[in-house]
Amino acid sequence: MREGSISIWFFIGISLLVNGALILGAGVWEVIHPPENPPVLFQLHAAVWWGALLFAFGVFYSIHFAPRRKS
């Protein structure tokens, strides 16, 4: 990688982190306030698991590919 360039994976990590936080938040909201007519397999809480997975990958990519300052 060239000097002064930022890896695209850093931005992908930020995107995964933000999307994971939004999906996780929506999933937690659904757990606290369940819908009146829940869909099939609602008890698995897929949004919570999927949001947590995306959030974890986002944290990993954001830290691993973060631009470093050279002193």
C-alpha atoms as a PDB file:
ATOM      1  CA  MET A   1       0.000   0.000   0.000  1.00  0.00           C
ATOM      2  CA  ARG A   2       1.250   3.474  -0.827  1.00  0.00           C
ATOM      3  CA  GLU A   3       2.235   6.006   1.794  1.00  0.00           C
ATOM      4  CA  GLY A   4      -0.741   8.117   2.890  1.00  0.00           C
ATOM      5  CA  SER A   5      -3.410   5.832   1.406  1.00  0.00           C
ATOM      6  CA  ILE A   6      -6.233   4.298   3.425  1.00  0.00           C
ATOM      7  CA  SER A   7      -7.335   0.718   2.850  1.00  0.00           C
ATOM      8  CA  ILE A   8     -10.826   0.160   1.440  1.00  0.00           C
ATOM      9  CA  TRP A   9     -11.292  -2.519   4.135  1.00  0.00           C
ATOM     10  CA  PHE A  10     -11.247   0.201   6.784  1.00  0.00           C
ATOM     11  CA  PHE A  11     -14.289   1.833   5.181  1.00  0.00           C
ATOM     12  CA  ILE A  12     -15.992  -1.543   4.769  1.00  0.00           C
ATOM     13  CA  GLY A  13     -15.405  -2.103   8.489  1.00  0.00           C
ATOM     14  CA  ILE A  14     -17.013   1.241   9.311  1.00  0.00           C
ATOM     15  CA  SER A  15     -19.984   0.337   7.107  1.00  0.00           C
ATOM     16  CA  LEU A  16     -20.372  -3.074   8.786  1.00  0.00           C
ATOM     17  CA  LEU A  17     -20.097  -1.454  12.207  1.00  0.00           C
ATOM     18  CA  VAL A  18     -22.811   1.121  11.508  1.00  0.00           C
ATOM     19  CA  ASN A  19     -25.182  -1.336   9.807  1.00  0.00           C
ATOM     20  CA  GLY A  20     -24.613  -3.901  12.559  1.00  0.00           C
ATOM     21  CA  ALA A  21     -25.417  -1.330  15.236  1.00  0.00           C
ATOM     22  CA  LEU A  22     -28.647  -0.351  13.458  1.00  0.00           C
ATOM     23  CA  ILE A  23     -29.791  -3.953  12.923  1.00  0.00           C
ATOM     24  CA  LEU A  24     -28.829  -4.915  16.478  1.00  0.00           C
ATOM     25  CA  GLY A  25     -30.738  -1.947  17.854  1.00  0.00           C
ATOM     26  CA  ALA A  26     -33.830  -2.844  15.819  1.00  0.00           C
ATOM     27  CA  GLY A  27     -33.565  -6.469  16.967  1.00  0.00           C
ATOM     28  CA  VAL A  28     -33.295  -5.501  20.627  1.00  0.00           C
ATOM     29  CA  TRP A  29     -36.289  -3.181  20.167  1.00  0.00           C
ATOM     30  CA  GLU A  30     -38.286  -6.122  18.737  1.00  0.00           C
ATOM     31  CA  VAL A  31     -37.324  -8.299  21.706  1.00  0.00           C
ATOM     32  CA  ILE A  32     -38.455  -5.636  24.189  1.00  0.00           C
ATOM     33  CA  HIS A  33     -41.604  -4.734  22.192  1.00  0.00           C
ATOM     34  CA  PRO A  34     -42.654  -7.909  20.306  1.00  0.00           C
ATOM     35  CA  PRO A  35     -45.016  -7.499  17.354  1.00  0.00           C
ATOM     36  CA  GLU A  36     -48.674  -8.359  17.764  1.00  0.00           C
ATOM     37  CA  ASN A  37     -48.494 -10.989  15.002  1.00  0.00           C
ATOM     38  CA  PRO A  38     -44.913 -12.311  15.067  1.00  0.00           C
ATOM     39  CA  PRO A  39     -43.498 -13.907  11.913  1.00  0.00           C
ATOM     40  CA  VAL A  40     -42.459 -17.533  11.685  1.00  0.00           C
ATOM     41  CA  LEU A  41     -39.307 -18.304  13.718  1.00  0.00           C
ATOM     42  CA  PHE A  42     -39.538 -14.975  15.561  1.00  0.00           C
ATOM     43  CA  GLN A  43     -38.269 -16.703  18.716  1.00  0.00           C
ATOM     44  CA  LEU A  44     -34.817 -17.101  17.106  1.00  0.00           C
ATOM     45  CA  HIS A  45     -34.319 -13.294  17.099  1.00  0.00           C
ATOM     46  CA  ALA A  46     -32.355 -13.292  13.848  1.00  0.00           C
ATOM     47  CA  ALA A  47     -31.952  -9.508  13.840  1.00  0.00           C
ATOM     48  CA  VAL A  48     -30.136  -9.601  17.185  1.00  0.00           C
ATOM     49  CA  TRP A  49     -27.738 -12.331  16.060  1.00  0.00           C
ATOM     50  CA  TRP A  50     -27.160 -10.870  12.597  1.00  0.00           C
ATOM     51  CA  GLY A  51     -26.646  -7.363  13.977  1.00  0.00           C
ATOM     52  CA  ALA A  52     -24.203  -8.618  16.594  1.00  0.00           C
ATOM     53  CA  LEU A  53     -22.248 -10.552  13.949  1.00  0.00           C
ATOM     54  CA  LEU A  54     -22.034  -7.556  11.613  1.00  0.00           C
ATOM     55  CA  PHE A  55     -21.060  -5.311  14.515  1.00  0.00           C
ATOM     56  CA  ALA A  56     -18.284  -7.714  15.573  1.00  0.00           C
ATOM     57  CA  PHE A  57     -16.912  -7.948  12.017  1.00  0.00           C
ATOM     58  CA  GLY A  58     -17.089  -4.161  11.744  1.00  0.00           C
ATOM     59  CA  VAL A  59     -15.096  -3.690  14.937  1.00  0.00           C
ATOM     60  CA  PHE A  60     -12.491  -6.212  13.762  1.00  0.00           C
ATOM     61  CA  TYR A  61     -12.073  -4.663  10.297  1.00  0.00           C
ATOM     62  CA  SER A  62     -12.057  -1.112  11.635  1.00  0.00           C
ATOM     63  CA  ILE A  63      -9.324  -1.870  14.157  1.00  0.00           C
ATOM     64  CA  HIS A  64      -7.280  -4.222  11.979  1.00  0.00           C
ATOM     65  CA  PHE A  65      -7.213  -1.951   8.914  1.00  0.00           C
ATOM     66  CA  ALA A  66      -7.187   1.409  10.712  1.00  0.00           C
ATOM     67  CA  PRO A  67      -4.768   3.969   9.302  1.00  0.00           C
ATOM     68  CA  ARG A  68      -1.661   4.101  11.462  1.00  0.00           C
ATOM     69  CA  ARG A  69       0.385   7.190  12.207  1.00  0.00           C
ATOM     70  CA  LYS A  70       4.103   6.763  11.724  1.00  0.00           C
ATOM     71  CA  SER A  71       6.217   8.643  14.274  1.00  0.00           C
END
